[in-house]
Amino acid sequence: MEQMDHLIIQYLTGEISSEERRSLLSWLETSGEHREYFRSLKDAYDLGRLEFDMKDSRMESQWNKFVRMVPEADIAGKWRLLGFSFLRYAAAFILGILSLYMIYHLGGKRPGEMIADTRMETGIGDKSKIMLPDGSVVWVNSCTSVAYGDMKRGGERTVYLQGEAYFEVKTDKRRPFLVRTDALTYRVTGTSFNVYSFEDEENTSVALLEGAVMVEYDNRSYTLSPGERFTYNKVTGDFIVENADVDLLSSWRRGEFVFDGMTFDELVNRLERLYNVKFIFENESIRKESFGGTLRDYDSLETIMKVIKTSIPIKYRIEENRVFIQ
């Protein structure tokens, strides 16, 4: 079990090799108890991120100071005395703290925008949950950047998003909450919604769970109702509004991704971010095939491809970090 603890920690911190990832995923697929154990460690890891404000935290420097004061051998010896059960949670908690992405930057103001002095980024296959200074909560999906300012002073509360995030905005009718992406701005006062907006993809969307969202673009606006998804094409300028199960769309927060009627091309974007691979299409017509299914955090890429193969007629081969589609 110690070996699996090591692999899980390597996975959570993004330091796992391809061979170690295969070993871990194989172990997860053998037992529901294994998957439950994995989730318990991941919860402890996520807790370590949530409990500290990124802007004011000096945890990394404090940890380095601690390491300089206590020899490594002494640390290991004392940890063994704590007992194995506590050790696995303590290790995940501390690694969660150390894995916080703290990047401070100041930029010039653009019209209608504020300076963002706190920035948080997630890596490939990574997720996080943060508390904003105004009390709003943001779940951040993989390969996503979130930047924001003080929010404690008067005026609008503004967040800059690149990627995917789910927002639970604390109600404050006097101070609107704005999410700015490369193409659209979402204006709310207090609500829950999911935003999907990657620079390298043509479509950006927002799906509303409760409350109201005003979508602002090209000097126009559209007010979304609960249970609706607004999808905007950045190339054509067209948009569609459709009914959607927003809870399922944001199921990635719980370690799952449920999709229905999604094209293979759209799914590939997510798989590349989740597994750090590149898809190469030798058969371009497959891109537009659509299907549904469910992905889980612990599913291996091989498992996912087998599921896809049962739905659409494809042949594939995986070579290191490349997936060839025939």
Protein backbone atom coordinates (compact mmCIF):
# COMPACT_ATOMS: atom_id res chain seq x y z
CA MET A 1 0.00 0.00 0.00
CA GLU A 2 2.92 2.36 0.62
CA GLN A 3 3.79 2.08 -3.06
CA MET A 4 0.25 3.10 -4.06
CA ASP A 5 0.36 6.04 -1.63
CA HIS A 6 3.50 7.18 -3.38
CA LEU A 7 1.88 6.85 -6.83
CA ILE A 8 -1.24 8.72 -5.73
CA ILE A 9 0.83 11.60 -4.36
CA GLN A 10 2.88 11.65 -7.55
CA TYR A 11 -0.37 11.78 -9.54
CA LEU A 12 -1.87 14.60 -7.45
CA THR A 13 1.26 16.73 -7.74
CA GLY A 14 1.61 16.14 -11.48
CA GLU A 15 4.97 14.35 -11.14
CA ILE A 16 3.82 10.90 -12.18
CA SER A 17 5.43 9.17 -15.16
CA SER A 18 3.48 7.43 -17.93
CA GLU A 19 4.41 3.99 -16.57
CA GLU A 20 3.44 4.96 -13.01
CA ARG A 21 0.14 6.41 -14.26
CA ARG A 22 -0.70 3.11 -15.97
CA SER A 23 0.07 1.20 -12.75
CA LEU A 24 -2.11 3.54 -10.70
CA LEU A 25 -5.05 3.43 -13.10
CA SER A 26 -4.85 -0.35 -13.32
CA TRP A 27 -4.97 -0.54 -9.52
CA LEU A 28 -7.99 1.81 -9.40
CA GLU A 29 -9.92 -0.28 -11.90
CA THR A 30 -9.61 -3.46 -9.81
CA SER A 31 -11.67 -2.39 -6.81
CA GLY A 32 -14.26 0.11 -5.62
CA GLU A 33 -12.39 0.27 -2.31
CA HIS A 34 -9.27 1.36 -4.16
CA ARG A 35 -11.18 4.18 -5.85
CA GLU A 36 -12.69 5.27 -2.52
CA TYR A 37 -9.22 5.33 -0.96
CA PHE A 38 -7.97 7.42 -3.89
CA ARG A 39 -10.82 9.91 -3.41
CA SER A 40 -10.07 10.24 0.31
CA LEU A 41 -6.49 11.25 -0.45
CA LYS A 42 -7.61 13.60 -3.20
CA ASP A 43 -10.11 15.24 -0.82
CA ALA A 44 -7.33 15.82 1.71
CA TYR A 45 -5.13 17.23 -1.04
CA ASP A 46 -7.88 19.59 -2.24
CA LEU A 47 -8.54 20.67 1.35
CA GLY A 48 -4.95 21.77 1.63
CA ARG A 49 -5.50 24.10 -1.31
CA LEU A 50 -8.81 25.48 -0.16
CA GLU A 51 -7.92 26.49 3.37
CA PHE A 52 -5.43 29.20 2.42
CA ASP A 53 -5.91 32.43 0.52
CA MET A 54 -3.52 32.48 -2.42
CA LYS A 55 -2.73 36.17 -2.35
CA ASP A 56 -1.74 36.48 1.30
CA SER A 57 -0.17 33.06 1.69
CA ARG A 58 3.53 32.70 2.40
CA MET A 59 3.33 28.94 2.95
CA GLU A 60 6.04 28.00 0.50
CA SER A 61 8.62 30.21 2.18
CA GLN A 62 7.49 28.96 5.61
CA TRP A 63 7.88 25.36 4.48
CA ASN A 64 11.38 26.05 3.13
CA LYS A 65 12.28 27.66 6.45
CA PHE A 66 10.97 24.58 8.28
CA VAL A 67 13.02 22.25 6.08
CA ARG A 68 16.18 24.26 6.75
CA MET A 69 15.61 24.05 10.50
CA VAL A 70 14.81 20.31 10.70
CA PRO A 71 17.06 17.70 9.04
CA GLU A 72 15.29 15.49 6.51
CA ALA A 73 16.07 12.33 8.49
CA ASP A 74 14.45 13.82 11.61
CA ILE A 75 11.33 14.72 9.65
CA ALA A 76 11.01 11.19 8.30
CA GLY A 77 11.57 9.65 11.73
CA LYS A 78 8.98 11.82 13.42
CA TRP A 79 6.45 11.14 10.68
CA ARG A 80 6.82 7.39 11.14
CA LEU A 81 5.82 7.86 14.77
CA LEU A 82 2.58 9.48 13.68
CA GLY A 83 1.31 6.22 12.26
CA PHE A 84 0.55 5.18 8.71
CA SER A 85 -3.12 6.21 8.67
CA PHE A 86 -2.44 9.81 9.66
CA LEU A 87 0.66 10.00 7.50
CA ARG A 88 -1.17 9.52 4.24
CA TYR A 89 -3.52 12.43 4.99
CA ALA A 90 -0.78 14.68 6.34
CA ALA A 91 1.35 14.05 3.28
CA ALA A 92 -1.52 14.82 0.92
CA PHE A 93 -2.41 17.94 2.91
CA ILE A 94 1.12 19.33 2.89
CA LEU A 95 1.62 18.51 -0.77
CA GLY A 96 -1.67 20.24 -1.48
CA ILE A 97 -0.35 23.35 0.23
CA LEU A 98 2.94 23.25 -1.64
CA SER A 99 1.23 22.75 -4.99
CA LEU A 100 -0.66 26.05 -4.86
CA TYR A 101 0.11 28.15 -7.88
CA MET A 102 0.86 31.65 -6.60
CA ILE A 103 1.68 34.08 -9.35
CA TYR A 104 1.55 37.80 -8.64
CA HIS A 105 1.39 40.15 -11.58
CA LEU A 106 0.37 43.73 -12.25
CA GLY A 107 -0.87 44.86 -15.62
CA GLY A 108 -1.99 48.13 -17.12
CA LYS A 109 -5.69 48.90 -16.93
CA ARG A 110 -7.78 48.39 -20.00
CA PRO A 111 -11.09 50.25 -20.51
CA GLY A 112 -13.70 49.08 -18.00
CA GLU A 113 -11.32 46.62 -16.32
CA MET A 114 -9.46 46.48 -13.02
CA ILE A 115 -5.92 45.38 -12.26
CA ALA A 116 -5.74 41.65 -11.47
CA ASP A 117 -3.15 41.15 -8.74
CA THR A 118 -3.81 37.49 -7.94
CA ARG A 119 -3.61 34.70 -10.48
CA MET A 120 -4.16 30.96 -10.11
CA GLU A 121 -3.46 28.30 -12.76
CA THR A 122 -4.14 24.58 -12.94
CA GLY A 123 -2.08 22.11 -14.94
CA ILE A 124 -2.92 19.10 -17.09
CA GLY A 125 -5.38 16.79 -15.34
CA ASP A 126 -5.47 19.09 -12.31
CA LYS A 127 -8.46 20.69 -10.57
CA SER A 128 -8.81 23.09 -7.69
CA LYS A 129 -11.32 25.00 -5.59
CA ILE A 130 -10.71 28.55 -4.38
CA MET A 131 -12.46 31.09 -2.20
CA LEU A 132 -12.47 34.61 -3.61
CA PRO A 133 -12.03 37.64 -1.31
CA ASP A 134 -15.76 38.47 -1.54
CA GLY A 135 -16.76 34.98 -0.33
CA SER A 136 -17.65 33.56 -3.75
CA VAL A 137 -16.42 30.04 -4.53
CA VAL A 138 -14.83 28.91 -7.80
CA TRP A 139 -14.15 25.32 -8.93
CA VAL A 140 -11.33 25.42 -11.48
CA ASN A 141 -10.94 22.71 -14.13
CA SER A 142 -7.65 21.58 -15.68
CA CYS A 143 -5.50 23.87 -17.85
CA THR A 144 -7.37 26.92 -16.57
CA SER A 145 -6.26 30.37 -15.43
CA VAL A 146 -8.24 32.55 -13.01
CA ALA A 147 -7.17 36.10 -12.12
CA TYR A 148 -8.85 38.63 -9.84
CA GLY A 149 -8.26 41.74 -7.75
CA ASP A 150 -8.95 42.80 -4.17
CA MET A 151 -12.79 42.65 -4.38
CA LYS A 152 -13.03 44.07 -0.85
CA ARG A 153 -13.28 47.65 -2.05
CA GLY A 154 -16.35 49.18 -3.69
CA GLY A 155 -17.25 48.77 -7.33
CA GLU A 156 -17.51 45.73 -9.57
CA ARG A 157 -16.05 42.35 -8.64
CA THR A 158 -14.14 41.15 -11.70
CA VAL A 159 -12.60 37.77 -12.53
CA TYR A 160 -10.62 37.02 -15.69
CA LEU A 161 -11.02 33.45 -16.92
CA GLN A 162 -9.14 31.37 -19.43
CA GLY A 163 -10.45 27.79 -19.47
CA GLU A 164 -13.33 26.24 -17.52
CA ALA A 165 -14.70 27.07 -14.08
CA TYR A 166 -17.87 26.72 -12.05
CA PHE A 167 -18.89 29.76 -10.01
CA GLU A 168 -21.04 30.10 -6.89
CA VAL A 169 -21.25 33.87 -6.55
CA LYS A 170 -22.04 35.49 -3.22
CA THR A 171 -25.03 37.80 -3.61
CA ASP A 172 -24.29 41.53 -3.54
CA LYS A 173 -26.79 43.53 -5.60
CA ARG A 174 -24.81 46.75 -5.15
CA ARG A 175 -21.60 45.23 -6.57
CA PRO A 176 -22.05 43.20 -9.77
CA PHE A 177 -19.81 40.20 -10.35
CA LEU A 178 -18.18 40.03 -13.80
CA VAL A 179 -16.43 37.09 -15.47
CA ARG A 180 -14.39 38.28 -18.45
CA THR A 181 -13.17 35.86 -21.12
CA ASP A 182 -11.41 36.53 -24.42
CA ALA A 183 -14.76 36.94 -26.22
CA LEU A 184 -17.57 37.54 -23.72
CA THR A 185 -18.38 39.10 -20.36
CA TYR A 186 -20.81 37.48 -17.91
CA ARG A 187 -22.52 39.87 -15.47
CA VAL A 188 -24.29 38.55 -12.34
CA THR A 189 -25.11 39.63 -8.78
CA GLY A 190 -25.42 36.21 -7.11
CA THR A 191 -25.82 32.91 -8.92
CA SER A 192 -24.32 29.51 -9.87
CA PHE A 193 -23.05 28.85 -13.39
CA ASN A 194 -20.42 27.03 -15.46
CA VAL A 195 -18.19 28.83 -17.98
CA TYR A 196 -16.24 27.06 -20.74
CA SER A 197 -13.85 29.33 -22.63
CA PHE A 198 -10.51 28.19 -24.08
CA GLU A 199 -8.64 30.51 -26.44
CA ASP A 200 -7.78 27.74 -28.90
CA GLU A 201 -11.42 26.64 -29.36
CA GLU A 202 -14.00 28.32 -31.58
CA ASN A 203 -16.93 27.93 -29.18
CA THR A 204 -17.30 29.41 -25.72
CA SER A 205 -20.31 28.77 -23.49
CA VAL A 206 -22.01 29.49 -20.19
CA ALA A 207 -24.57 27.21 -18.53
CA LEU A 208 -26.76 28.58 -15.74
CA LEU A 209 -27.83 26.48 -12.75
CA GLU A 210 -29.68 29.13 -10.74
CA GLY A 211 -30.09 32.89 -10.59
CA ALA A 212 -29.49 34.97 -13.72
CA VAL A 213 -26.56 35.72 -16.02
CA MET A 214 -26.36 38.56 -18.52
CA VAL A 215 -24.06 37.71 -21.43
CA GLU A 216 -22.42 40.82 -22.94
CA TYR A 217 -20.79 40.78 -26.40
CA ASP A 218 -20.34 43.19 -29.34
CA ASN A 219 -22.36 45.92 -27.59
CA ARG A 220 -25.23 43.47 -27.24
CA SER A 221 -26.51 41.38 -24.34
CA TYR A 222 -28.59 38.31 -23.61
CA THR A 223 -30.08 37.32 -20.24
CA LEU A 224 -29.92 33.61 -19.53
CA SER A 225 -32.52 31.68 -17.50
CA PRO A 226 -31.79 28.72 -15.19
CA GLY A 227 -31.36 25.47 -17.10
CA GLU A 228 -30.12 27.19 -20.27
CA ARG A 229 -26.75 27.10 -22.01
CA PHE A 230 -25.52 29.96 -24.20
CA THR A 231 -22.92 28.92 -26.81
CA TYR A 232 -21.09 31.54 -28.86
CA ASN A 233 -18.96 30.93 -31.94
CA LYS A 234 -15.99 33.31 -31.88
CA VAL A 235 -15.36 32.90 -35.60
CA THR A 236 -18.84 33.49 -37.02
CA GLY A 237 -20.30 35.60 -34.21
CA ASP A 238 -23.37 33.34 -34.08
CA PHE A 239 -24.85 31.93 -30.88
CA ILE A 240 -27.41 29.37 -29.81
CA VAL A 241 -29.38 29.00 -26.58
CA GLU A 242 -30.56 25.56 -25.55
CA ASN A 243 -31.90 23.74 -22.52
CA ALA A 244 -29.21 21.81 -20.65
CA ASP A 245 -28.68 19.76 -17.51
CA VAL A 246 -26.24 22.17 -15.88
CA ASP A 247 -25.50 19.85 -12.97
CA LEU A 248 -24.27 17.20 -15.42
CA LEU A 249 -22.30 19.78 -17.41
CA SER A 250 -20.45 20.73 -14.24
CA SER A 251 -20.05 17.13 -13.00
CA TRP A 252 -16.29 17.45 -13.60
CA ARG A 253 -16.22 19.05 -10.13
CA ARG A 254 -17.03 15.62 -8.69
CA GLY A 255 -14.42 13.79 -10.72
CA GLU A 256 -16.76 12.90 -13.59
CA PHE A 257 -17.48 14.35 -16.99
CA VAL A 258 -20.89 13.45 -18.44
CA PHE A 259 -21.42 14.30 -22.09
CA ASP A 260 -24.32 13.77 -24.45
CA GLY A 261 -24.37 14.44 -28.19
CA MET A 262 -20.79 15.72 -28.15
CA THR A 263 -18.69 15.36 -31.28
CA PHE A 264 -15.47 13.39 -31.15
CA ASP A 265 -13.61 16.57 -32.09
CA GLU A 266 -15.02 18.38 -29.04
CA LEU A 267 -14.20 15.47 -26.75
CA VAL A 268 -10.62 15.32 -28.03
CA ASN A 269 -9.96 18.84 -26.69
CA ARG A 270 -10.85 17.63 -23.20
CA LEU A 271 -8.93 14.36 -23.46
CA GLU A 272 -5.77 16.17 -24.55
CA ARG A 273 -5.95 18.41 -21.47
CA LEU A 274 -6.77 15.53 -19.14
CA TYR A 275 -4.15 13.03 -20.29
CA ASN A 276 -1.44 15.26 -21.79
CA VAL A 277 -1.66 13.58 -25.19
CA LYS A 278 -2.02 14.73 -28.79
CA PHE A 279 -4.64 13.23 -31.11
CA ILE A 280 -3.64 12.79 -34.74
CA PHE A 281 -6.48 12.14 -37.17
CA GLU A 282 -5.69 9.93 -40.13
CA ASN A 283 -9.44 9.82 -40.81
CA GLU A 284 -10.82 13.38 -40.63
CA SER A 285 -14.46 12.33 -41.05
CA ILE A 286 -14.43 10.79 -37.55
CA ARG A 287 -14.13 14.25 -36.01
CA LYS A 288 -17.84 15.00 -36.53
CA GLU A 289 -19.18 11.72 -35.15
CA SER A 290 -21.24 12.37 -32.03
CA PHE A 291 -21.97 10.17 -29.02
CA GLY A 292 -22.49 10.23 -25.25
CA GLY A 293 -20.85 8.73 -22.21
CA THR A 294 -19.16 9.36 -18.87
CA LEU A 295 -15.49 9.89 -18.03
CA ARG A 296 -14.04 9.52 -14.54
CA ASP A 297 -10.82 10.93 -13.17
CA TYR A 298 -9.36 7.48 -12.57
CA ASP A 299 -10.22 6.05 -16.02
CA SER A 300 -7.17 5.26 -18.12
CA LEU A 301 -6.87 6.61 -21.65
CA GLU A 302 -7.01 3.04 -22.95
CA THR A 303 -10.31 2.50 -21.11
CA ILE A 304 -11.76 5.71 -22.58
CA MET A 305 -10.74 4.75 -26.11
CA LYS A 306 -12.36 1.33 -25.74
CA VAL A 307 -15.61 3.00 -24.65
CA ILE A 308 -15.48 5.37 -27.61
CA LYS A 309 -14.84 2.46 -29.95
CA THR A 310 -18.11 0.82 -28.87
CA SER A 311 -20.01 3.95 -29.97
CA ILE A 312 -18.32 5.03 -33.19
CA PRO A 313 -16.43 3.03 -35.84
CA ILE A 314 -12.80 3.92 -35.18
CA LYS A 315 -9.44 2.24 -35.10
CA TYR A 316 -6.73 3.73 -32.95
CA ARG A 317 -3.25 3.18 -31.61
CA ILE A 318 -1.51 4.86 -28.70
CA GLU A 319 2.19 5.61 -28.98
CA GLU A 320 3.57 7.33 -25.88
CA ASN A 321 1.81 10.71 -25.78
CA ARG A 322 0.17 10.47 -29.20
CA VAL A 323 -3.13 8.86 -30.20
CA PHE A 324 -3.57 8.01 -33.88
CA ILE A 325 -7.18 7.81 -35.11
CA GLN A 326 -7.86 5.78 -38.26
